[in-house]
C-alpha cells in the first residue's frame, strides 16, 4: 500500500470518536500502530477500559470511516486496554481491575438483588467477576445464588494464613458472611469488629484475577462504607433508590458521603419504578414517578436506568436464580444490560477525567 493512502487511513481513524467518551481516537492517543503486511492492514488501538462494550461499535465505526480507502484489502483491528494507575497500596485487591460498590441510603429498595444481577450481567459480557456480600447484618448472597447452608471452604497460604475460597455460581466468585454464620444466627457486632469482619472478606479471600469485584454494601453510611472507601481503591459507586421521597432523601446523604471520601458516584438506579399489569399492559407508578431522574439532575449524577416492580424479581431471588439467568427473564435481562452498559460508560468517563482533568467529555 502506498504511503499516501496509509497516511489518509491514519487520519480518518484519528477522527473516529470513542462511542463512550465522544473524543476522537487521535486526541485520546489511542492509535498505537497501523501496519500493512502480507496483503492486509492491521490497526492496533489502546483504549481506556473496560472494553467489551465498546470494542464492537468502535470496530464498525473504524471500518466505515476507511471503507472507500480500503477497497478489497483485508482489515483487522486489535484492541488492548490502557493500564490504569492505582491510588492506594497495590497489595489491596491488586488482582482486581475495577471495584464497584452498590449502595443504598435505606434498606428494602432491592439493592442486593440489583447488585447480584449487575454482577451476573457483567459476567455475561465475558468478563471475570466477583461479588462480595458486605452486608454483615443481613447477608443475601447465599439466598440469591441458591447457596444456603454451603460452608466457606479455606486453605492455608505459604505463610500459614487461612485463605477463604469463594463459591462460584453463574460465573461469579461469591463471598459472604452468610457462608460463615448459620442461617438463623445473628451477627451481633460493634463498629470496629464489623469493619474487621468486612476486611477479612476483602483481604483473606482468594479472589484471584478479576475484571470486576462488586461490593453489595449494607444500607446507610456507617462503618463498613467508610472502611471500604478508606482502605479499598474503589473505582466508583452505584446507588439504588425507589421513587419515594424518603428513599431519595437517603440517597442524597449517600452521595454526600461518597463525595467526601473521594469515591466517584457512577450513577443512580431507580428500582420499583412502575408496575405493568400482566393482563391489560397498563403501567402504574405505584411509588411515585420520575424521582430518580430528578435526583440525578439535582445532584449532577448520571441516571443509569429504571427497573419495574416485577414479581419475577422476587420469585427468581427466592429460587436462587439471578433474574438475568431466569428462563422467563428476557425483559429484565434487557433492562439490566442497558443499566450495566450505562455504568461501564460512566466508569470509562471517570477514568478519562482522572487522566485528563482539563478536558471535557462530549455527552
Protein backbone atom coordinates (compact mmCIF):
# COMPACT_ATOMS: atom_id res chain seq x y z
CA UNK A 1 0.00 0.00 0.00
CA UNK A 2 1.34 3.42 -0.98
CA UNK A 3 2.41 5.71 1.91
CA UNK A 4 -0.07 8.45 0.90
CA UNK A 5 -3.09 6.15 1.25
CA UNK A 6 -1.74 4.74 4.52
CA UNK A 7 -1.50 8.29 5.87
CA UNK A 8 -5.06 9.03 4.74
CA UNK A 9 -6.29 5.96 6.59
CA UNK A 10 -4.39 7.02 9.70
CA UNK A 11 -6.01 10.48 9.55
CA UNK A 12 -9.50 9.03 9.08
CA UNK A 13 -9.05 6.65 12.02
CA UNK A 14 -7.79 9.52 14.18
CA UNK A 15 -11.11 11.33 13.62
CA UNK A 16 -13.29 8.39 14.74
CA UNK A 17 -14.99 9.13 18.07
CA UNK A 18 -14.80 6.86 21.07
CA UNK A 19 -18.51 5.93 21.49
CA UNK A 20 -18.49 6.47 25.26
CA UNK A 21 -16.25 9.50 25.54
CA UNK A 22 -17.18 11.41 22.39
CA UNK A 23 -13.47 12.18 21.91
CA UNK A 24 -11.52 11.44 18.68
CA UNK A 25 -9.14 8.47 18.85
CA UNK A 26 -6.29 10.71 17.76
CA UNK A 27 -6.86 13.05 20.69
CA UNK A 28 -7.02 10.07 23.03
CA UNK A 29 -3.64 8.84 21.81
CA UNK A 30 -5.38 5.55 21.02
CA UNK A 31 -3.59 4.83 17.70
CA UNK A 32 -0.81 2.55 18.80
CA UNK A 33 0.19 1.37 15.33
CA UNK A 34 -1.02 0.92 11.73
CA UNK A 35 0.73 -1.68 9.56
CA UNK A 36 0.29 -3.07 6.08
CA UNK A 37 1.80 -6.56 5.91
CA UNK A 38 1.22 -9.67 3.82
CA UNK A 39 -1.61 -8.04 1.89
CA UNK A 40 -3.72 -6.95 4.88
CA UNK A 41 -4.00 -3.84 7.01
CA UNK A 42 -3.69 -4.14 10.80
CA UNK A 43 -4.77 -1.39 13.19
CA UNK A 44 -3.61 -1.50 16.82
CA UNK A 45 -5.57 0.56 19.34
CA UNK A 46 -5.01 1.18 23.05
CA UNK A 47 -8.19 2.28 24.83
CA UNK A 48 -9.40 3.15 28.31
CA UNK A 49 -11.01 0.03 29.83
CA UNK A 50 -13.37 -1.78 30.22
CA UNK A 51 -13.50 -2.76 26.53
CA UNK A 52 -16.14 -5.49 25.86
CA UNK A 53 -18.94 -2.94 25.47
CA UNK A 54 -17.06 -0.53 23.20
CA UNK A 55 -14.93 -2.80 21.01
CA UNK A 56 -17.61 -3.85 18.51
CA UNK A 57 -19.19 -0.43 17.82
CA UNK A 58 -15.74 1.11 17.58
CA UNK A 59 -14.63 -1.51 15.06
CA UNK A 60 -17.72 -0.77 12.95
CA UNK A 61 -17.03 2.97 13.08
CA UNK A 62 -13.40 2.47 12.02
CA UNK A 63 -14.38 0.23 9.11
CA UNK A 64 -16.98 2.74 7.91
CA UNK A 65 -14.50 5.61 8.16
CA UNK A 66 -11.93 3.98 5.85
CA UNK A 67 -14.15 1.76 3.67
CA UNK A 68 -13.60 3.77 0.49
CA UNK A 69 -9.83 3.82 1.04
CA UNK A 70 -9.56 0.09 1.77
CA UNK A 71 -11.10 -1.38 -1.35
CA UNK A 72 -10.71 -5.17 -1.17
CA UNK A 73 -7.82 -5.10 1.28
CA UNK A 74 -8.48 -7.27 4.38
CA UNK A 75 -8.60 -5.18 7.55
CA UNK A 76 -8.05 -6.33 11.14
CA UNK A 77 -8.36 -4.33 14.38
CA UNK A 78 -6.51 -5.32 17.53
CA UNK A 79 -7.51 -3.59 20.76
CA UNK A 80 -5.71 -3.63 24.08
CA UNK A 81 -6.52 -1.95 27.38
CA UNK A 82 -4.61 1.07 28.58
CA UNK A 83 -3.06 0.40 32.01
CA UNK A 84 -4.75 2.20 34.90
CA UNK A 85 -2.88 3.62 37.89
CA UNK A 86 -3.95 2.56 41.40
CA UNK A 87 -4.17 5.33 44.00
CA UNK A 88 -3.55 3.11 47.03
CA UNK A 89 -1.34 0.23 48.06
CA UNK A 90 -1.19 -2.39 45.28
CA UNK A 91 -1.42 -5.11 47.94
CA UNK A 92 -5.14 -4.38 48.39
CA UNK A 93 -7.03 -6.44 45.81
CA UNK A 94 -4.18 -5.96 43.34
CA UNK A 95 -5.60 -8.63 41.05
CA UNK A 96 -8.89 -6.75 40.54
CA UNK A 97 -9.12 -4.08 37.89
CA UNK A 98 -12.49 -2.43 38.60
CA UNK A 99 -14.03 -2.24 42.08
CA UNK A 100 -17.70 -1.21 42.14
CA UNK A 101 -19.73 -0.53 45.29
CA UNK A 102 -23.52 -0.94 45.11
CA UNK A 103 -25.12 1.04 47.94
CA UNK A 104 -28.41 2.45 49.16
CA UNK A 105 -29.36 5.02 51.74
CA UNK A 106 -32.02 2.77 53.26
CA UNK A 107 -32.99 -0.89 53.30
CA UNK A 108 -35.78 -2.52 51.34
CA UNK A 109 -35.02 -0.94 47.96
CA UNK A 110 -33.75 -4.13 46.29
CA UNK A 111 -30.06 -3.24 46.46
CA UNK A 112 -28.77 -6.79 46.95
CA UNK A 113 -30.88 -8.19 44.12
CA UNK A 114 -29.64 -5.44 41.82
CA UNK A 115 -26.01 -5.93 42.88
CA UNK A 116 -26.25 -9.67 42.17
CA UNK A 117 -27.79 -9.15 38.73
CA UNK A 118 -25.30 -6.42 37.82
CA UNK A 119 -22.51 -8.87 38.67
CA UNK A 120 -24.03 -11.65 36.54
CA UNK A 121 -24.70 -9.23 33.66
CA UNK A 122 -21.05 -8.17 33.72
CA UNK A 123 -20.03 -11.84 33.59
CA UNK A 124 -22.40 -12.50 30.69
CA UNK A 125 -20.41 -9.91 28.70
CA UNK A 126 -17.34 -12.11 29.02
CA UNK A 127 -15.60 -10.51 31.99
CA UNK A 128 -14.38 -12.22 35.17
CA UNK A 129 -16.45 -11.06 38.15
CA UNK A 130 -16.60 -11.43 41.93
CA UNK A 131 -19.36 -10.43 44.34
CA UNK A 132 -18.54 -9.53 47.93
CA UNK A 133 -21.67 -9.55 50.08
CA UNK A 134 -20.60 -6.93 52.63
CA UNK A 135 -23.98 -6.72 54.38
CA UNK A 136 -22.71 -8.37 57.57
CA UNK A 137 -26.04 -7.97 59.41
CA UNK A 138 -28.25 -9.33 56.63
CA UNK A 139 -26.23 -11.28 54.05
CA UNK A 140 -28.32 -12.02 50.95
CA UNK A 141 -25.91 -13.67 48.51
CA UNK A 142 -26.45 -17.25 49.77
CA UNK A 143 -30.18 -16.94 49.06
CA UNK A 144 -29.83 -15.01 45.79
CA UNK A 145 -27.48 -17.62 44.34
CA UNK A 146 -29.04 -20.76 45.87
CA UNK A 147 -26.08 -21.37 48.18
CA UNK A 148 -27.85 -21.57 51.56
CA UNK A 149 -26.13 -23.84 54.02
CA UNK A 150 -22.93 -24.00 52.00
CA UNK A 151 -19.87 -23.62 54.24
CA UNK A 152 -16.98 -21.40 53.26
CA UNK A 153 -14.00 -23.54 52.26
CA UNK A 154 -10.48 -22.42 53.03
CA UNK A 155 -6.82 -23.26 52.51
CA UNK A 156 -3.54 -22.13 54.03
CA UNK A 157 -1.12 -19.99 52.06
CA UNK A 158 2.69 -20.24 52.14
CA UNK A 159 2.76 -18.12 55.31
CA UNK A 160 0.29 -20.32 57.15
CA UNK A 161 -2.58 -17.82 56.85
CA UNK A 162 -6.09 -19.16 56.34
CA UNK A 163 -7.42 -18.02 52.97
CA UNK A 164 -11.10 -18.34 52.09
CA UNK A 165 -12.14 -19.77 48.74
CA UNK A 166 -15.16 -18.03 47.17
CA UNK A 167 -18.05 -20.12 45.93
CA UNK A 168 -18.74 -19.97 42.20
CA UNK A 169 -22.19 -19.78 40.65
CA UNK A 170 -23.33 -18.39 37.28
CA UNK A 171 -19.75 -17.37 36.50
CA UNK A 172 -19.42 -15.29 39.70
CA UNK A 173 -16.98 -15.78 42.57
CA UNK A 174 -19.01 -15.10 45.72
CA UNK A 175 -18.02 -14.40 49.32
CA UNK A 176 -20.43 -13.60 52.14
CA UNK A 177 -20.68 -13.70 55.92
CA UNK A 178 -23.72 -15.84 55.20
CA UNK A 179 -21.31 -18.69 54.44
CA UNK A 180 -19.78 -18.33 57.91
CA UNK A 181 -22.87 -17.74 60.06
CA UNK A 182 -25.60 -20.32 60.47
CA UNK A 183 -28.85 -19.43 58.75
CA UNK A 184 -30.66 -18.08 61.83
CA UNK A 185 -27.52 -16.82 63.57
CA UNK A 186 -27.28 -13.06 64.02
CA UNK A 187 -24.09 -11.04 63.55
CA UNK A 188 -24.01 -9.06 66.80
CA UNK A 189 -21.01 -6.81 66.30
CA UNK A 190 -19.84 -3.36 67.30
CA UNK A 191 -18.34 -0.97 64.77
CA UNK A 192 -14.63 -1.95 64.93
CA UNK A 193 -15.45 -5.69 64.80
CA UNK A 194 -17.86 -5.04 61.93
CA UNK A 195 -15.14 -3.36 59.89
CA UNK A 196 -12.72 -6.16 60.81
CA UNK A 197 -15.03 -8.88 59.51
CA UNK A 198 -15.52 -6.90 56.33
CA UNK A 199 -11.76 -6.52 55.72
CA UNK A 200 -11.36 -10.27 56.30
CA UNK A 201 -13.69 -10.84 53.32
CA UNK A 202 -11.59 -8.37 51.33
CA UNK A 203 -8.06 -9.43 52.25
CA UNK A 204 -8.30 -13.09 53.23
CA UNK A 205 -10.22 -14.42 50.25
CA UNK A 206 -8.65 -15.98 47.19
CA UNK A 207 -10.24 -13.64 44.66
CA UNK A 208 -7.59 -14.30 42.03
CA UNK A 209 -7.53 -12.16 38.89
CA UNK A 210 -10.83 -10.33 38.29
CA UNK A 211 -12.05 -7.69 35.87
CA UNK A 212 -14.75 -6.60 38.33
CA UNK A 213 -15.42 -7.00 42.03
CA UNK A 214 -18.90 -5.84 43.04
CA UNK A 215 -19.46 -4.90 46.70
CA UNK A 216 -23.01 -5.31 47.97
CA UNK A 217 -22.92 -2.83 50.86
CA UNK A 218 -25.28 -2.65 53.83
CA UNK A 219 -27.74 0.25 53.74
CA UNK A 220 -26.74 3.60 55.15
CA UNK A 221 -23.43 5.39 55.64
CA UNK A 222 -21.79 3.53 58.53
CA UNK A 223 -18.58 1.76 59.45
CA UNK A 224 -18.40 -0.62 56.50
CA UNK A 225 -18.94 2.12 53.92
CA UNK A 226 -16.24 4.30 55.49
CA UNK A 227 -13.80 1.40 55.89
CA UNK A 228 -14.34 0.42 52.25
CA UNK A 229 -13.74 3.97 51.00
CA UNK A 230 -10.60 4.39 53.13
CA UNK A 231 -8.91 1.03 52.53
CA UNK A 232 -10.06 -0.14 49.10
CA UNK A 233 -9.31 1.73 45.84
CA UNK A 234 -12.91 1.90 44.68
CA UNK A 235 -13.49 2.71 41.02
CA UNK A 236 -16.92 4.10 41.82
CA UNK A 237 -20.29 3.60 43.49
CA UNK A 238 -23.78 2.85 42.18
CA UNK A 239 -26.71 3.99 44.31
CA UNK A 240 -30.07 2.21 44.34
CA UNK A 241 -33.28 4.02 45.21
CA UNK A 242 -37.04 3.85 44.76
CA UNK A 243 -39.13 6.81 43.55
CA UNK A 244 -40.33 7.58 47.09
CA UNK A 245 -39.10 10.82 48.63
CA UNK A 246 -37.99 9.01 51.80
CA UNK A 247 -35.63 6.83 49.76
CA UNK A 248 -34.44 9.81 47.70
CA UNK A 249 -33.52 11.76 50.84
CA UNK A 250 -31.31 8.90 51.99
CA UNK A 251 -29.60 8.74 48.59
CA UNK A 252 -28.68 12.41 48.93
CA UNK A 253 -26.82 11.57 52.15
CA UNK A 254 -25.07 8.63 50.47
CA UNK A 255 -23.91 10.81 47.57
CA UNK A 256 -22.54 13.34 50.04
CA UNK A 257 -20.67 10.61 51.94
CA UNK A 258 -19.06 9.11 48.84
CA UNK A 259 -18.03 12.52 47.55
CA UNK A 260 -16.42 13.42 50.88
CA UNK A 261 -14.24 10.30 50.70
CA UNK A 262 -13.42 10.93 47.00
CA UNK A 263 -15.30 7.96 45.56
CA UNK A 264 -16.92 8.76 42.18
CA UNK A 265 -20.66 8.17 42.04
CA UNK A 266 -21.19 6.35 38.75
CA UNK A 267 -24.95 6.73 38.80
CA UNK A 268 -28.39 6.06 40.23
CA UNK A 269 -30.60 3.05 39.55
CA UNK A 270 -34.29 3.51 40.31
CA UNK A 271 -35.96 0.27 41.38
CA UNK A 272 -39.72 -0.43 41.66
CA UNK A 273 -40.30 2.44 39.23
CA UNK A 274 -43.60 1.11 37.89
CA UNK A 275 -45.84 -1.93 37.75
CA UNK A 276 -47.16 -3.25 34.45
CA UNK A 277 -50.48 -5.11 34.63
CA UNK A 278 -49.92 -8.58 33.11
CA UNK A 279 -53.49 -8.63 31.76
CA UNK A 280 -54.02 -5.23 30.15
CA UNK A 281 -50.48 -3.86 29.96
CA UNK A 282 -51.35 -0.69 31.88
CA UNK A 283 -48.31 0.83 33.59
CA UNK A 284 -48.81 2.30 37.06
CA UNK A 285 -46.18 4.30 39.01
CA UNK A 286 -47.13 2.93 42.43
CA UNK A 287 -44.41 4.66 44.46
CA UNK A 288 -44.30 7.94 42.52
CA UNK A 289 -42.77 8.88 39.22
CA UNK A 290 -39.50 10.39 38.00
CA UNK A 291 -37.87 10.73 41.42
CA UNK A 292 -34.60 9.07 40.44
CA UNK A 293 -34.28 11.15 37.28
CA UNK A 294 -34.94 14.38 39.15
CA UNK A 295 -32.45 13.41 41.85
CA UNK A 296 -29.74 12.67 39.28
CA UNK A 297 -30.25 16.12 37.77
CA UNK A 298 -30.26 17.78 41.19
CA UNK A 299 -27.03 16.08 42.28
CA UNK A 300 -25.37 16.05 38.84
CA UNK A 301 -25.13 12.24 38.94
CA UNK A 302 -25.81 10.01 35.90
CA UNK A 303 -29.16 8.23 35.80
CA UNK A 304 -28.40 4.63 34.83
CA UNK A 305 -31.96 3.38 34.38
CA UNK A 306 -35.20 2.09 35.85
CA UNK A 307 -36.37 -1.34 36.91
CA UNK A 308 -40.03 -2.31 37.34
CA UNK A 309 -41.81 -3.74 40.34
CA UNK A 310 -41.89 -7.24 38.87
CA UNK A 311 -42.96 -10.42 40.70
CA UNK A 312 -40.33 -12.36 38.74
CA UNK A 313 -37.55 -10.47 40.54
CA UNK A 314 -38.87 -11.68 43.89
CA UNK A 315 -39.62 -15.19 42.66
CA UNK A 316 -36.25 -15.74 40.98
CA UNK A 317 -34.45 -14.43 44.06
CA UNK A 318 -36.29 -16.91 46.27
CA UNK A 319 -35.42 -19.67 43.79
CA UNK A 320 -31.73 -18.76 43.97
CA UNK A 321 -31.56 -17.80 40.29
CA UNK A 322 -30.45 -14.28 39.27
CA UNK A 323 -33.28 -12.95 37.14
CA UNK A 324 -30.95 -12.28 34.20
CA UNK A 325 -30.37 -16.06 34.10
CA UNK A 326 -34.04 -16.98 34.59
CA UNK A 327 -35.76 -18.52 31.54
CA UNK A 328 -38.68 -16.07 31.92
CA UNK A 329 -36.46 -13.03 32.50
CA UNK A 330 -35.83 -11.80 28.94
CA UNK A 331 -37.38 -8.37 29.52
CA UNK A 332 -35.43 -7.82 32.76
CA UNK A 333 -32.24 -9.19 31.20
CA UNK A 334 -32.53 -6.45 28.57
CA UNK A 335 -33.04 -3.74 31.21
CA UNK A 336 -30.05 -4.90 33.27
CA UNK A 337 -27.89 -4.99 30.12
CA UNK A 338 -28.78 -1.34 29.47
CA UNK A 339 -28.02 -0.38 33.08
CA UNK A 340 -24.65 -2.16 33.03
CA UNK A 341 -23.74 -0.58 29.69
CA UNK A 342 -24.51 2.86 31.14
CA UNK A 343 -22.50 2.00 34.27
CA UNK A 344 -19.47 0.92 32.23
CA UNK A 345 -19.74 4.01 30.02
CA UNK A 346 -19.63 6.25 33.09
CA UNK A 347 -16.75 4.21 34.53
CA UNK A 348 -14.71 4.82 31.37
CA UNK A 349 -15.57 8.51 31.56
CA UNK A 350 -14.37 8.65 35.16
CA UNK A 351 -11.06 7.06 34.17
CA UNK A 352 -10.74 9.55 31.31
CA UNK A 353 -11.43 12.52 33.60
CA UNK A 354 -8.82 11.24 36.04
CA UNK A 355 -6.24 11.03 33.26
CA UNK A 356 -7.24 14.27 31.53
CA UNK A 357 -8.83 16.51 34.19
CA UNK A 358 -8.74 19.62 32.00
CA UNK A 359 -10.56 18.05 29.06
CA UNK A 360 -14.31 17.95 28.68
CA UNK A 361 -16.31 14.92 27.55
CA UNK A 362 -18.95 15.37 24.87
CA UNK A 363 -22.06 13.88 26.46
